[in-house]
Every structure is written in structure tokens, then in C-alpha cells.
Amino acid sequence: MIDFSRDKRFRIKNGKSFKLAASDPSYTAGLDNNEAAKRDLNQEQEKLSKLQEKLYASKRHAVLVIFQALDAAGKDSCIKHVLSGLNQQGCTATSFKSPSKIDVSHDFLWRSVPALPERGSIGIFNRSYYEDVLICKVRPEFILEQHLPGIETVEDIDKKFWKARYESIRNFEKHLHASGTTIIKFFLHVSKEEQRKRLLERIDDPEKNWKFDVNDIRERELWSAYQKAYEKAIRETASPEAPWYVVPADNKWFTQMVVADTIRGTLERLDLQYPTPEEGIQEVLRKARKQLVQE
């Protein structure tokens, strides 16, 4: 099986030359959506479950998985299908909606900190602090709500401002990595045509009407601007410590395979081990077993 976690077509460690247009949202590596693909996903889920147990037992590493995407790219379904088999005791998921008044009264990284995973745990971010260089980049008027010093109008939000934000993110992720957090960032790359089909499905299927938001249509009109914002964010923040994975998202089954394989491969490279038993524990276990057997 292909090791997607190391595949240079998806993994971006140095974004200087990254071009989003070079990534094909419909790419499937020559695989078909068949029973074999489903079995591969099931096998990845089983491996993930075992690796998570080691992660939780060792308490040496934390893992932060970030999902970013345009509307209808499949973030929710990917999280559901790939990570549903994890033990919830060692896994937390946070969905970042529009920031509250309290959120915007702090720095833009502030609300992410309480949701960070502790060592031994996996944290899943459905959207993240990257929204502040994505949606805010496309709609800079949202920055005005943060009442930042020296920012009175949209015209005050210049290249220097965005450069500082990217730098803040790089430094934040570098700090997390040095503190024992492994970061995996996914951009689910959906095509404009596939998004159109999925939005129509939300409208035409009564059971999916609840998923539809009229704002999705407004944001779709800014498609080109969002493509540029994502490309810039990936170029500025991809690093060996916190790589981006640009995952084709037109075929959900393939998206889920790549994500599952990438997380599994990343966990395996941590070389997770169960804690070494304390000295004398074998004698304690022997006596405990004898007592239980004799009951």
C-alpha cells in the first residue's frame, strides 16, 4: 500500500515553491472506490486504535490534527469516518466557529490554547487559528472587530500585518513541536465543480437541508480569493515540524484513506512504546494473579 504520509504529492514541508493549482482535487493514485479500498481504511483504523493506546500509555507525545477546507469539502465526514474508532478518553475534537466577543478581545491564537491536547492525547481541530489568515485574509473587515492598535480601517491591514501573522503561527507551531506536540495539518482540496454538486445535494435532499447555509453561496463567489489565501497560508507555514498535507477531496473515500494513512504513518514514526514496568512489579503481579486465581 502507498505510504501517503511520506508522499511528496501531498506532504508540503517547505512551501516556498508550492502552487495549489498543481494539486488535482480528483486524484486517486489510480485506485478505485471498491471493497479493497474500504478494507484498507478499516485496517488503518485498527492500526490507529492500537497506536493511540500506546500514545495514551506512554504520555510522551501529544498529537494535534488540524483540518482546514472550503465549505462542503468533507471535513466532518472525514473526521467521523477516520477517527470514530479512537478511544474518546484520549481524544478531543474542537470545532472552531465564528469567534465570540471574548475571543476577539484576545490575540488570535488565544482561543486555541485551551483546546490543545495534553501529552498522551490526540486533539482534532475542525478549523483552527488558520481562519485568521484565511477568511480574515479574504474578508479583512473581520480584523477590525479585533480592535487592534493602529488598525482603524481595512487600508491599515497591509502586507506587514499579514507577514507578522504568518510568523506568529510559525513560532507557535515551533513552540508546540519543541514541547512534544506533533502537528499534522490537512487541507482538503475540493474542486469548484464538486463543491457545486455537494451544495446542490444539500438543497435537494431534505435530510441534508440542515447542512445548507446561505453564506456558503456568498463565500463561493470568492472562490479565487480563497484559493490564493490557502496557497499563501500553506507556502508561509509549511515546515518539517508542522507539514501541510494537501489532500484531494473530490472523492471522499480517497480523502479518508489518505488522512487515515497519514495519521497512522506519523504515529508510527514516533516509535511509541508502552511504559517500562517499575522494578519489582513482576513479583507484585505474580502475587496479585495468585490471589485472583484462588478466589
Foldseek 3Di string as FASTA:
>chain_A
DDLLLPDPLFWDAAQQPDDPVVRDLPDQPPDDPDPVLVVLLVVLLVLVQVLLVLQQQVLQAEEEEEEDEAPPLQPVVLCCSRVVSHDVVQEEEDEDDPDDLVCLQDPLQVVCVVQGGGGSHYYYYHHHSLCCLFVCVLVVVVNVSSVDPQCDDSVSCDPVNSLVVLVVLQVVLVVNLVVRYQAEYEYRDEDLVLSVVSQVCLVVDPVNVVVHDPVSVVVSVCVVSNSVSVSVSQNSRRHPRHIYTYHNRSDPSSSSSSVSSSVSVVSVVVVRDRDDDDPPVVVVVVVVVVVVVVD
